Amino acid sequence: MPSKNEQFRVINTHFPDMVERIITLWGSAELSEFINGLLLDERDHAGRKLEQEITSALSGLQAEHDREFPKHALQAGTCSEKCLDNEHFKTINARFPRIGRQLQAKWGRPAFSEYVHDLLNDSRTGRQGFPEEAMLALFKLMEVHDKEYPQYVKKITDIWTLGNPT
């Protein structure tokens, strides 16, 4: 198995920005989520398919990180049966597979609620938003996640909710 430095070199030859991000996140829970998201996507930011050499190096770095920081390791198959068999997840995954992969990677983690919130409240210009069925499915899926993982419910503190305790 190649050393950690060799794996960094392999990735750095094609994606120095990716290496910089991995180094910045090393030792945090976000690194596992970042690498897992890259491996699930198997494409770089420009949409090109990642070469086998790169995905192997990413997997090796994730394994090394998981050995060094086991408390931050993502469990294989983080998306529970409740998620995969959920009709709302299937609706989203069928229409938006990239979002489905991200939902799977973030399921059971604090990042799930933030990701769905960001999807539902996209502030980028030129976007039309989701079709009604996908929007409803995202809300319902977040509801299932919030019930299964109440400790990760995103607390919204705006002017409208501050005076209305739930």
Protein backbone atom coordinates (compact mmCIF):
# COMPACT_ATOMS: atom_id res chain seq x y z
CA MET A 1 0.00 0.00 0.00
CA PRO A 2 1.38 3.44 -0.91
CA SER A 3 2.33 5.79 1.91
CA LYS A 4 0.19 8.79 2.82
CA ASN A 5 2.70 11.12 1.13
CA GLU A 6 2.63 9.07 -2.09
CA GLN A 7 -1.17 9.21 -2.13
CA PHE A 8 -1.05 12.98 -1.69
CA ARG A 9 1.43 13.23 -4.58
CA VAL A 10 -0.81 11.18 -6.90
CA ILE A 11 -3.77 13.46 -6.25
CA ASN A 12 -1.64 16.62 -6.34
CA THR A 13 -0.42 15.93 -9.89
CA HIS A 14 -3.96 16.50 -11.21
CA PHE A 15 -5.84 18.26 -8.42
CA PRO A 16 -3.69 20.48 -6.18
CA ASP A 17 -6.79 22.30 -4.91
CA MET A 18 -8.24 18.97 -3.77
CA VAL A 19 -5.05 18.20 -1.83
CA GLU A 20 -5.15 21.62 -0.23
CA ARG A 21 -8.74 21.00 0.90
CA ILE A 22 -7.86 17.53 2.25
CA ILE A 23 -4.94 18.96 4.24
CA THR A 24 -7.16 21.73 5.62
CA LEU A 25 -9.82 19.23 6.72
CA TRP A 26 -7.41 16.56 8.05
CA GLY A 27 -8.43 15.55 11.56
CA SER A 28 -12.05 16.68 11.24
CA ALA A 29 -15.33 14.90 10.58
CA GLU A 30 -15.76 17.01 7.46
CA LEU A 31 -12.83 15.26 5.76
CA SER A 32 -14.61 11.91 5.71
CA GLU A 33 -17.69 13.58 4.29
CA PHE A 34 -15.62 15.45 1.67
CA ILE A 35 -13.76 12.35 0.47
CA ASN A 36 -16.88 10.20 0.61
CA GLY A 37 -18.70 12.77 -1.51
CA LEU A 38 -15.87 12.75 -4.07
CA LEU A 39 -15.85 8.95 -4.21
CA LEU A 40 -19.62 8.75 -4.55
CA ASP A 41 -19.54 11.31 -7.33
CA GLU A 42 -16.36 9.97 -9.00
CA ARG A 43 -16.09 13.27 -10.89
CA ASP A 44 -14.08 16.37 -10.26
CA HIS A 45 -15.61 19.83 -10.16
CA ALA A 46 -15.47 20.16 -13.95
CA GLY A 47 -17.50 16.97 -14.40
CA ARG A 48 -14.60 14.82 -15.63
CA LYS A 49 -14.49 11.24 -14.42
CA LEU A 50 -11.77 10.70 -11.82
CA GLU A 51 -9.09 8.21 -12.84
CA GLN A 52 -8.76 4.93 -10.92
CA GLU A 53 -5.39 6.07 -9.58
CA ILE A 54 -7.02 9.14 -8.01
CA THR A 55 -9.97 7.25 -6.51
CA SER A 56 -7.53 4.67 -5.05
CA ALA A 57 -5.45 7.44 -3.49
CA LEU A 58 -8.58 9.10 -2.08
CA SER A 59 -9.74 5.78 -0.62
CA GLY A 60 -6.28 5.23 0.86
CA LEU A 61 -6.24 8.67 2.47
CA GLN A 62 -9.73 8.14 3.85
CA ALA A 63 -8.64 4.79 5.35
CA GLU A 64 -5.53 6.44 6.84
CA HIS A 65 -7.64 9.27 8.27
CA ASP A 66 -10.13 6.77 9.72
CA ARG A 67 -7.24 4.91 11.42
CA GLU A 68 -5.81 8.14 12.86
CA PHE A 69 -9.18 9.61 13.83
CA PRO A 70 -11.68 6.76 14.35
CA LYS A 71 -14.24 9.05 15.97
CA HIS A 72 -14.64 10.84 12.62
CA ALA A 73 -14.87 7.72 10.45
CA LEU A 74 -18.01 7.39 8.35
CA GLN A 75 -19.70 4.07 8.82
CA ALA A 76 -20.15 2.08 5.61
CA GLY A 77 -23.69 2.45 4.33
CA THR A 78 -24.57 5.48 6.44
CA CYS A 79 -27.89 5.72 4.67
CA SER A 80 -30.10 3.36 6.65
CA GLU A 81 -32.78 1.08 5.23
CA LYS A 82 -35.26 3.71 6.36
CA CYS A 83 -33.56 6.12 3.95
CA LEU A 84 -32.97 3.85 0.95
CA ASP A 85 -36.45 2.35 1.02
CA ASN A 86 -38.13 5.69 1.57
CA GLU A 87 -40.39 6.70 -1.32
CA HIS A 88 -39.28 10.33 -0.97
CA PHE A 89 -35.61 9.39 -1.26
CA LYS A 90 -36.43 7.30 -4.34
CA THR A 91 -38.24 10.29 -5.90
CA ILE A 92 -35.23 12.55 -5.39
CA ASN A 93 -32.66 9.94 -6.39
CA ALA A 94 -34.51 9.06 -9.62
CA ARG A 95 -34.69 12.67 -10.78
CA PHE A 96 -31.48 14.02 -9.21
CA PRO A 97 -28.97 11.15 -8.70
CA ARG A 98 -26.12 13.47 -7.71
CA ILE A 99 -28.24 14.93 -4.91
CA GLY A 100 -29.28 11.39 -3.97
CA ARG A 101 -25.62 10.40 -3.57
CA GLN A 102 -24.98 13.43 -1.39
CA LEU A 103 -28.03 12.65 0.75
CA GLN A 104 -26.75 9.09 1.21
CA ALA A 105 -23.29 10.31 2.19
CA LYS A 106 -24.66 12.81 4.70
CA TRP A 107 -27.46 10.68 6.19
CA GLY A 108 -27.13 10.38 9.96
CA ARG A 109 -24.68 13.29 10.16
CA PRO A 110 -25.09 16.95 11.12
CA ALA A 111 -24.30 17.91 7.52
CA PHE A 112 -27.56 16.32 6.26
CA SER A 113 -29.85 19.01 7.65
CA GLU A 114 -27.53 21.78 6.48
CA TYR A 115 -27.32 20.28 2.99
CA VAL A 116 -31.10 19.95 2.61
CA HIS A 117 -31.61 23.43 4.03
CA ASP A 118 -29.12 24.82 1.49
CA LEU A 119 -30.89 22.96 -1.33
CA LEU A 120 -34.26 24.34 -0.34
CA ASN A 121 -32.95 27.88 0.14
CA ASP A 122 -30.63 28.27 -2.82
CA SER A 123 -29.61 31.89 -3.29
CA ARG A 124 -27.71 31.47 -6.58
CA THR A 125 -29.08 33.48 -9.47
CA GLY A 126 -30.45 31.84 -12.59
CA ARG A 127 -32.00 28.90 -10.73
CA GLN A 128 -35.63 27.93 -11.12
CA GLY A 129 -35.86 25.75 -8.03
CA PHE A 130 -37.06 22.19 -7.72
CA PRO A 131 -40.26 20.77 -9.17
CA GLU A 132 -43.03 20.58 -6.60
CA GLU A 133 -42.75 16.80 -6.14
CA ALA A 134 -38.98 17.02 -5.50
CA MET A 135 -39.41 19.91 -3.06
CA LEU A 136 -42.08 18.00 -1.15
CA ALA A 137 -39.90 14.86 -1.16
CA LEU A 138 -36.95 16.82 0.30
CA PHE A 139 -39.15 18.20 3.09
CA LYS A 140 -40.56 14.75 3.88
CA LEU A 141 -37.11 13.13 3.81
CA MET A 142 -35.76 15.80 6.17
CA GLU A 143 -38.69 15.09 8.47
CA VAL A 144 -37.77 11.37 8.55
CA HIS A 145 -34.11 12.25 9.21
CA ASP A 146 -35.06 14.68 11.99
CA LYS A 147 -37.13 11.99 13.73
CA GLU A 148 -34.34 9.41 13.42
CA TYR A 149 -31.57 11.88 14.42
CA PRO A 150 -33.15 14.62 16.58
CA GLN A 151 -29.71 15.72 17.79
CA TYR A 152 -28.95 17.02 14.27
CA VAL A 153 -32.11 19.04 13.69
CA LYS A 154 -31.12 22.40 12.23
CA LYS A 155 -32.12 25.15 14.61
CA ILE A 156 -33.52 28.12 12.70
CA THR A 157 -33.37 31.37 14.60
CA ASP A 158 -34.95 34.11 12.60
CA ILE A 159 -37.27 36.94 13.51
CA TRP A 160 -40.35 34.76 12.82
CA THR A 161 -39.39 31.80 14.99
CA LEU A 162 -37.80 33.58 17.96
CA GLY A 163 -41.12 34.58 19.49
CA ASN A 164 -42.87 31.29 18.68
CA PRO A 165 -41.46 28.44 20.79
CA THR A 166 -42.27 25.04 19.35
